[in-house]
Protein backbone atom coordinates (compact mmCIF):
# COMPACT_ATOMS: atom_id res chain seq x y z
CA MET A 1 8.06 14.79 15.15
CA GLU A 2 7.63 11.16 14.21
CA THR A 3 10.76 9.35 12.95
CA GLU A 4 10.91 7.50 9.61
CA THR A 5 11.10 4.17 11.45
CA GLU A 6 7.99 5.02 13.46
CA THR A 7 6.18 6.02 10.28
CA GLU A 8 7.10 2.77 8.53
CA SER A 9 6.08 0.74 11.58
CA LYS A 10 2.72 2.51 11.61
CA ILE A 11 2.11 1.67 7.94
CA GLU A 12 3.08 -1.96 8.47
CA ALA A 13 0.97 -2.27 11.62
CA LYS A 14 -2.07 -0.90 9.83
CA ALA A 15 -1.54 -3.41 7.01
CA ASP A 16 -1.14 -6.28 9.51
CA ASN A 17 -4.24 -5.31 11.49
CA HIS A 18 -6.49 -4.39 8.59
CA LEU A 19 -9.03 -7.11 9.30
CA ASP A 20 -9.95 -5.38 12.56
CA THR A 21 -12.19 -2.86 10.81
CA ASP A 22 -13.95 -1.78 14.01
CA ALA A 23 -10.80 -0.36 15.61
CA GLY A 24 -11.25 3.32 16.41
CA ILE A 25 -14.64 3.56 14.67
CA ASP A 26 -17.69 5.45 15.88
CA LEU A 27 -19.94 2.59 16.95
CA ASP A 28 -23.02 4.57 15.92
CA ILE A 29 -22.04 3.81 12.32
CA SER A 30 -23.54 0.48 11.30
CA LYS A 31 -21.96 -1.82 8.77
CA SER A 32 -23.75 -2.33 5.48
CA LEU A 33 -21.62 -5.18 4.11
CA THR A 34 -19.12 -7.30 5.98
CA LEU A 35 -16.21 -8.38 3.79
CA ARG A 36 -16.13 -11.90 5.19
CA ASN A 37 -17.09 -15.16 3.51
CA GLN A 38 -17.94 -13.42 0.25
CA THR A 39 -17.18 -14.44 -3.31
CA ILE A 40 -15.36 -11.45 -4.78
CA VAL A 41 -14.08 -10.62 -8.26
CA VAL A 42 -11.20 -8.16 -8.52
CA THR A 43 -10.58 -6.91 -12.05
CA GLY A 44 -7.09 -5.57 -12.63
CA GLY A 45 -5.90 -7.68 -9.71
CA ALA A 46 -2.35 -7.92 -11.08
CA GLY A 47 -1.81 -4.16 -10.80
CA LEU A 48 -0.63 -1.97 -7.94
CA VAL A 49 -3.82 -1.41 -5.96
CA GLY A 50 -5.58 -4.50 -7.31
CA SER A 51 -2.92 -6.96 -6.17
CA HIS A 52 -2.74 -5.43 -2.68
CA LEU A 53 -6.54 -5.33 -2.43
CA ALA A 54 -6.87 -8.96 -3.54
CA GLU A 55 -4.20 -9.97 -1.04
CA ARG A 56 -6.15 -8.36 1.77
CA LEU A 57 -9.55 -9.68 0.74
CA SER A 58 -8.26 -13.23 0.27
CA LYS A 59 -7.67 -13.55 4.02
CA ALA A 60 -11.40 -13.85 4.68
CA ASN A 61 -13.09 -14.32 1.28
CA ASP A 62 -12.96 -16.32 -1.92
CA VAL A 63 -11.24 -14.01 -4.39
CA ILE A 64 -11.15 -14.34 -8.18
CA ILE A 65 -8.71 -12.10 -10.02
CA ALA A 66 -9.50 -11.19 -13.63
CA ASP A 67 -6.67 -9.47 -15.51
CA ASP A 68 -5.43 -9.50 -19.09
CA LEU A 69 -1.82 -8.96 -17.88
CA SER A 70 -1.37 -6.04 -20.26
CA LYS A 71 0.21 -4.04 -17.46
CA GLY A 72 0.35 -6.24 -14.36
CA THR A 73 2.34 -9.46 -14.20
CA ARG A 74 1.49 -13.02 -13.21
CA ASP A 75 3.94 -13.01 -10.29
CA GLN A 76 1.98 -10.18 -8.66
CA ILE A 77 -1.11 -12.37 -8.30
CA PRO A 78 -1.44 -13.09 -4.55
CA ASP A 79 -1.51 -16.61 -3.19
CA ASN A 80 -4.89 -17.97 -2.08
CA THR A 81 -6.68 -16.36 -5.02
CA ALA A 82 -8.05 -17.84 -8.23
CA PHE A 83 -6.71 -16.24 -11.41
CA VAL A 84 -8.44 -15.92 -14.78
CA GLU A 85 -6.65 -14.24 -17.67
CA ALA A 86 -9.51 -12.27 -19.14
CA ASP A 87 -10.12 -9.10 -21.13
CA MET A 88 -12.94 -7.05 -19.64
CA THR A 89 -13.62 -5.37 -23.00
CA ASP A 90 -14.83 -8.78 -24.21
CA SER A 91 -18.39 -9.31 -22.95
CA ASN A 92 -18.10 -13.11 -23.32
CA GLU A 93 -15.06 -13.18 -21.06
CA VAL A 94 -16.81 -10.91 -18.56
CA GLU A 95 -19.75 -13.36 -18.48
CA SER A 96 -17.38 -16.24 -17.74
CA VAL A 97 -15.89 -14.41 -14.74
CA ILE A 98 -18.89 -12.64 -13.18
CA THR A 99 -21.36 -15.41 -12.43
CA SER A 100 -24.41 -15.70 -10.19
CA ASP A 101 -22.36 -16.84 -7.18
CA VAL A 102 -20.35 -13.59 -7.10
CA ASP A 103 -21.33 -11.21 -4.29
CA ILE A 104 -19.31 -8.11 -5.16
CA VAL A 105 -17.02 -6.89 -7.95
CA PHE A 106 -14.09 -4.56 -7.32
CA HIS A 107 -13.46 -3.05 -10.75
CA LEU A 108 -9.88 -1.75 -10.99
CA ALA A 109 -8.98 -2.79 -14.55
CA ALA A 110 -8.30 0.28 -16.70
CA TYR A 111 -5.82 2.17 -18.74
CA THR A 112 -4.38 4.39 -16.00
CA ASP A 113 -1.81 6.49 -17.85
CA THR A 114 -2.98 10.11 -17.94
CA ASN A 115 -0.57 10.67 -20.85
CA PHE A 116 -1.47 7.55 -22.86
CA ALA A 117 -0.36 7.62 -26.49
CA GLU A 118 -3.74 6.46 -27.87
CA PRO A 119 -6.39 8.55 -26.07
CA ARG A 120 -9.35 7.25 -28.09
CA GLN A 121 -8.41 3.65 -27.25
CA LEU A 122 -8.10 4.59 -23.57
CA PHE A 123 -11.52 6.24 -23.48
CA GLU A 124 -13.39 3.61 -25.47
CA GLU A 125 -11.88 0.56 -23.77
CA ASN A 126 -12.20 1.96 -20.24
CA SER A 127 -15.88 2.66 -20.95
CA ASP A 128 -16.39 -0.75 -22.58
CA MET A 129 -14.96 -2.53 -19.53
CA THR A 130 -17.16 -0.65 -17.10
CA TYR A 131 -20.31 -1.06 -19.18
CA ASN A 132 -19.70 -4.81 -19.65
CA ILE A 133 -19.12 -5.34 -15.94
CA LEU A 134 -22.18 -3.37 -14.85
CA GLU A 135 -24.40 -5.07 -17.41
CA GLN A 136 -23.29 -8.53 -16.34
CA ALA A 137 -23.36 -7.74 -12.61
CA ALA A 138 -26.96 -6.54 -12.88
CA ALA A 139 -27.95 -9.53 -15.02
CA VAL A 140 -26.73 -12.17 -12.55
CA GLY A 141 -27.73 -10.41 -9.33
CA VAL A 142 -24.38 -9.24 -7.94
CA ASP A 143 -24.93 -7.17 -4.78
CA GLY A 144 -22.47 -4.38 -5.50
CA VAL A 145 -19.74 -2.93 -7.71
CA ALA A 146 -16.83 -0.94 -6.30
CA PHE A 147 -14.96 1.23 -8.78
CA THR A 148 -11.64 3.05 -8.71
CA SER A 149 -12.10 6.50 -10.16
CA SER A 150 -9.58 9.35 -9.91
CA SER A 151 -8.99 12.87 -8.67
CA THR A 152 -8.56 13.79 -12.35
CA VAL A 153 -12.37 14.00 -12.72
CA TYR A 154 -12.19 17.37 -10.92
CA GLY A 155 -9.78 18.98 -13.35
CA GLU A 156 -8.07 22.10 -11.98
CA ALA A 157 -10.34 22.65 -8.99
CA PRO A 158 -9.98 24.68 -5.77
CA ARG A 159 -8.15 22.82 -3.00
CA PRO A 160 -9.00 20.88 -0.93
CA THR A 161 -11.60 19.56 -3.35
CA PRO A 162 -14.74 17.97 -1.83
CA GLU A 163 -16.81 15.26 -3.47
CA ASP A 164 -19.69 17.66 -4.17
CA TYR A 165 -17.52 20.17 -6.04
CA ALA A 166 -18.97 21.22 -9.40
CA PRO A 167 -18.74 21.56 -12.29
CA LEU A 168 -16.51 18.57 -12.95
CA GLU A 169 -14.25 19.61 -15.82
CA PRO A 170 -11.45 17.07 -16.43
CA ILE A 171 -8.57 18.25 -18.62
CA SER A 172 -7.29 14.82 -19.76
CA VAL A 173 -8.93 12.02 -21.72
CA TYR A 174 -8.11 9.75 -18.79
CA GLY A 175 -10.05 12.03 -16.43
CA ALA A 176 -12.89 12.22 -18.95
CA SER A 177 -13.01 8.42 -19.16
CA LYS A 178 -13.28 8.12 -15.38
CA LEU A 179 -16.06 10.70 -15.29
CA ALA A 180 -17.92 8.85 -18.06
CA ASP A 181 -17.55 5.63 -16.06
CA GLU A 182 -18.97 7.37 -13.00
CA GLY A 183 -21.99 8.30 -15.12
CA LEU A 184 -22.55 4.66 -16.03
CA LEU A 185 -22.15 3.62 -12.40
CA SER A 186 -24.69 6.22 -11.29
CA THR A 187 -27.17 5.01 -13.88
CA TYR A 188 -26.95 1.41 -12.70
CA ALA A 189 -27.00 2.43 -9.03
CA HIS A 190 -30.28 4.28 -9.48
CA THR A 191 -32.05 1.95 -11.90
CA LYS A 192 -30.85 -1.53 -10.92
CA SER A 193 -30.52 -3.35 -7.60
CA LEU A 194 -26.80 -2.58 -7.40
CA THR A 195 -24.99 -0.77 -4.62
CA VAL A 196 -22.11 1.20 -6.11
CA TRP A 197 -18.98 2.56 -4.46
CA CYS A 198 -16.82 5.04 -6.33
CA PHE A 199 -13.36 5.98 -5.03
CA ARG A 200 -11.69 9.16 -6.28
CA PHE A 201 -8.02 8.46 -5.65
CA ALA A 202 -5.17 10.78 -4.93
CA ASN A 203 -1.79 9.43 -6.14
CA ILE A 204 -1.31 5.92 -4.77
CA VAL A 205 2.25 4.67 -4.26
CA GLY A 206 3.94 1.50 -3.11
CA PRO A 207 5.72 -1.70 -4.08
CA ARG A 208 4.87 -3.32 -7.45
CA GLN A 209 4.29 0.11 -9.01
CA ARG A 210 5.61 0.92 -12.45
CA GLY A 211 5.21 3.81 -14.87
CA ASN A 212 4.78 6.54 -12.24
CA VAL A 213 6.98 9.27 -10.86
CA ILE A 214 8.77 7.33 -8.08
CA PRO A 215 9.79 4.24 -10.08
CA ASP A 216 10.51 6.52 -13.05
CA PHE A 217 12.99 8.57 -11.00
CA ILE A 218 14.59 5.42 -9.57
CA GLN A 219 15.06 3.90 -13.03
CA LYS A 220 16.48 7.14 -14.42
CA LEU A 221 18.97 7.43 -11.56
CA LEU A 222 20.02 3.80 -11.85
CA ALA A 223 20.86 4.49 -15.50
CA GLU A 224 22.43 7.92 -14.91
CA PRO A 225 23.20 8.67 -11.22
CA GLU A 226 24.57 12.17 -11.73
CA THR A 227 21.61 13.89 -13.42
CA LEU A 228 17.83 13.61 -13.24
CA THR A 229 15.41 15.04 -15.80
CA ILE A 230 12.21 16.32 -14.19
CA LEU A 231 9.15 17.12 -16.30
CA GLY A 232 7.79 20.63 -15.78
CA ASP A 233 9.21 23.01 -13.20
CA GLY A 234 9.15 20.58 -10.27
CA ARG A 235 6.59 22.66 -8.41
CA GLN A 236 3.71 20.38 -9.28
CA GLU A 237 2.27 19.34 -5.92
CA LYS A 238 -0.09 16.48 -5.17
CA SER A 239 -1.25 14.16 -2.42
CA TYR A 240 0.42 10.73 -2.16
CA LEU A 241 -1.05 7.82 -0.20
CA TYR A 242 0.65 4.48 0.55
CA VAL A 243 -1.09 1.57 -1.15
CA THR A 244 -1.97 -0.49 1.94
CA GLU A 245 -3.66 2.54 3.47
CA CYS A 246 -5.58 3.02 0.22
CA VAL A 247 -6.77 -0.59 0.40
CA ASP A 248 -7.80 -0.11 4.03
CA ALA A 249 -9.86 2.95 3.07
CA ILE A 250 -11.53 1.09 0.19
CA CYS A 251 -12.65 -1.75 2.42
CA HIS A 252 -13.79 0.61 5.15
CA ILE A 253 -15.98 2.57 2.74
CA VAL A 254 -17.58 -0.60 1.36
CA GLU A 255 -18.33 -1.87 4.86
CA TYR A 256 -19.68 1.38 6.28
CA THR A 257 -21.74 2.95 3.49
CA ASP A 258 -24.85 1.71 1.72
CA GLU A 259 -26.39 4.45 -0.41
CA PRO A 260 -27.16 3.46 -4.01
CA MET A 261 -24.16 5.58 -5.16
CA ASN A 262 -21.36 6.14 -2.64
CA ILE A 263 -18.64 8.57 -3.81
CA TYR A 264 -15.57 9.13 -1.62
CA ASN A 265 -12.22 10.84 -2.04
CA ILE A 266 -9.27 8.75 -0.83
CA GLY A 267 -6.06 10.61 -0.06
CA THR A 268 -4.09 12.49 2.57
CA GLU A 269 -4.42 16.02 3.89
CA THR A 270 -0.81 16.75 2.93
CA THR A 271 0.98 17.10 -0.42
CA THR A 272 4.43 16.56 -1.91
CA SER A 273 6.05 18.46 -4.77
CA VAL A 274 7.79 16.73 -7.66
CA THR A 275 11.12 18.25 -6.61
CA LYS A 276 10.58 16.92 -3.08
CA ILE A 277 9.96 13.46 -4.53
CA ALA A 278 13.25 13.76 -6.42
CA ASP A 279 14.97 14.77 -3.16
CA ILE A 280 13.48 11.79 -1.31
CA VAL A 281 14.36 9.29 -4.05
CA SER A 282 17.90 10.68 -4.31
CA ASP A 283 18.32 10.40 -0.55
CA VAL A 284 17.04 6.81 -0.49
CA MET A 285 19.54 5.94 -3.26
CA ASP A 286 22.32 7.92 -1.51
CA LEU A 287 22.81 10.14 -4.56
CA ASP A 288 23.11 13.88 -5.15
CA PRO A 289 22.15 14.40 -8.82
CA THR A 290 21.79 17.65 -10.72
CA TYR A 291 18.16 18.31 -11.65
CA ASN A 292 17.31 19.28 -15.23
CA TYR A 293 13.79 20.69 -15.56
CA THR A 294 11.95 20.59 -18.88
CA GLY A 295 10.02 23.75 -18.00
CA GLY A 296 6.41 24.82 -17.82
CA ASP A 297 3.99 24.47 -14.91
CA ARG A 298 3.02 20.85 -15.67
CA GLY A 299 4.58 17.65 -16.91
CA TRP A 300 2.43 17.18 -20.02
CA ASP A 301 -0.81 18.37 -21.63
CA GLY A 302 -3.66 17.27 -19.37
CA ASP A 303 -1.52 17.10 -16.22
CA VAL A 304 -3.20 18.77 -13.23
CA PRO A 305 -0.26 20.55 -11.59
CA ARG A 306 -1.73 20.83 -8.09
CA MET A 307 -4.16 18.51 -6.36
CA ARG A 308 -5.33 18.05 -2.78
CA LEU A 309 -8.58 16.27 -2.03
CA SER A 310 -10.87 16.98 0.87
CA VAL A 311 -11.07 13.86 3.04
CA GLU A 312 -13.61 15.23 5.51
CA LYS A 313 -16.40 12.99 4.19
CA LEU A 314 -14.19 9.92 4.67
CA ARG A 315 -13.20 11.05 8.16
CA LYS A 316 -16.88 11.30 9.12
CA ILE A 317 -17.32 7.55 8.61
CA GLY A 318 -14.32 6.80 10.81
CA TRP A 319 -11.27 6.58 8.55
CA ASN A 320 -8.21 8.79 8.23
CA ALA A 321 -4.74 8.22 6.78
CA ASP A 322 -2.06 7.50 9.39
CA THR A 323 0.84 8.80 7.32
CA GLU A 324 1.57 12.09 5.61
CA SER A 325 2.30 12.39 1.90
CA ASP A 326 6.11 12.78 2.25
CA ALA A 327 6.30 9.70 4.48
CA ALA A 328 4.27 7.63 2.01
CA VAL A 329 6.62 8.68 -0.81
CA ARG A 330 9.70 7.75 1.20
CA HIS A 331 8.33 4.36 2.24
CA ALA A 332 7.35 3.60 -1.35
CA ALA A 333 10.75 4.76 -2.65
CA LYS A 334 12.56 2.37 -0.30
CA GLU A 335 10.40 -0.57 -1.35
CA LEU A 336 10.65 0.23 -5.05
CA TYR A 337 14.41 0.75 -4.89
CA LYS A 338 14.76 -2.78 -3.50
CA GLU A 339 12.63 -4.13 -6.36
CA LEU A 340 14.32 -2.23 -9.17
CA ASN A 341 17.96 -2.27 -8.06
């Protein structure tokens, strides 16, 4: 069995070598778009995935980050990128960012809280952002739009869930908003000269993350080391993927697929329970708290208690996660503990 140090080294090596996108790939697969010497807009580039994606892309492209800083922070903006503080719900601000010299837009800006207090605002503004971006991208001749969707579009589906599973029946407004966005993306992919990539994420974890289970547990234990409140019964079980591997998968999909609408799950083949996450976080912090469960089979209304995506379609184009879900959680917990302590 692989040691924790070996796992962490593997994650770091993959991040360091991410520009070598041909490594280990079936050479019969031809590239559709090379992410070199492009002008790229990353919306939501101050957030978890957005900041890591922009950091990677900036090594070989001109990257413009557009973010209203409602969730991300200015210090998360990578060096060697241009930053514009802009609200993607404002069509005038979208027009100022997405201009005719832009080659591709990675659209990550969104309300991402599945338990957001104002569900109508979440749905309407997520849809407004996506519509504005697609409308402007088509108007100025952008080549493609890559969009971060979510496993929540599937609702409570059989596992592992493939991309062609139907019917899609989300059980949260967040999931419904992502599915509505996918509908807009499909429309533009099939009626305009846009190539669209749509990524249905598992749970992505890593440094710079806030408002999710790992940083939440760390912050709770820093405040009260002897007890930890866990929403639900702790048996909720989902797939967790380390953020740099997520970014690697995103770029690989964009470079190796070229249908009008390209939909791919991004995740791991393994899962981690909420109680296991609590165990890992407690171990990283060298604590042994008592767990207090709130009860029920899910953390909140609209929470999908169990999720595991099929990644067979992604494997067929030459990409697979190097690390299992538990290892990704542990690596993220170590990084986040350093940030939050």
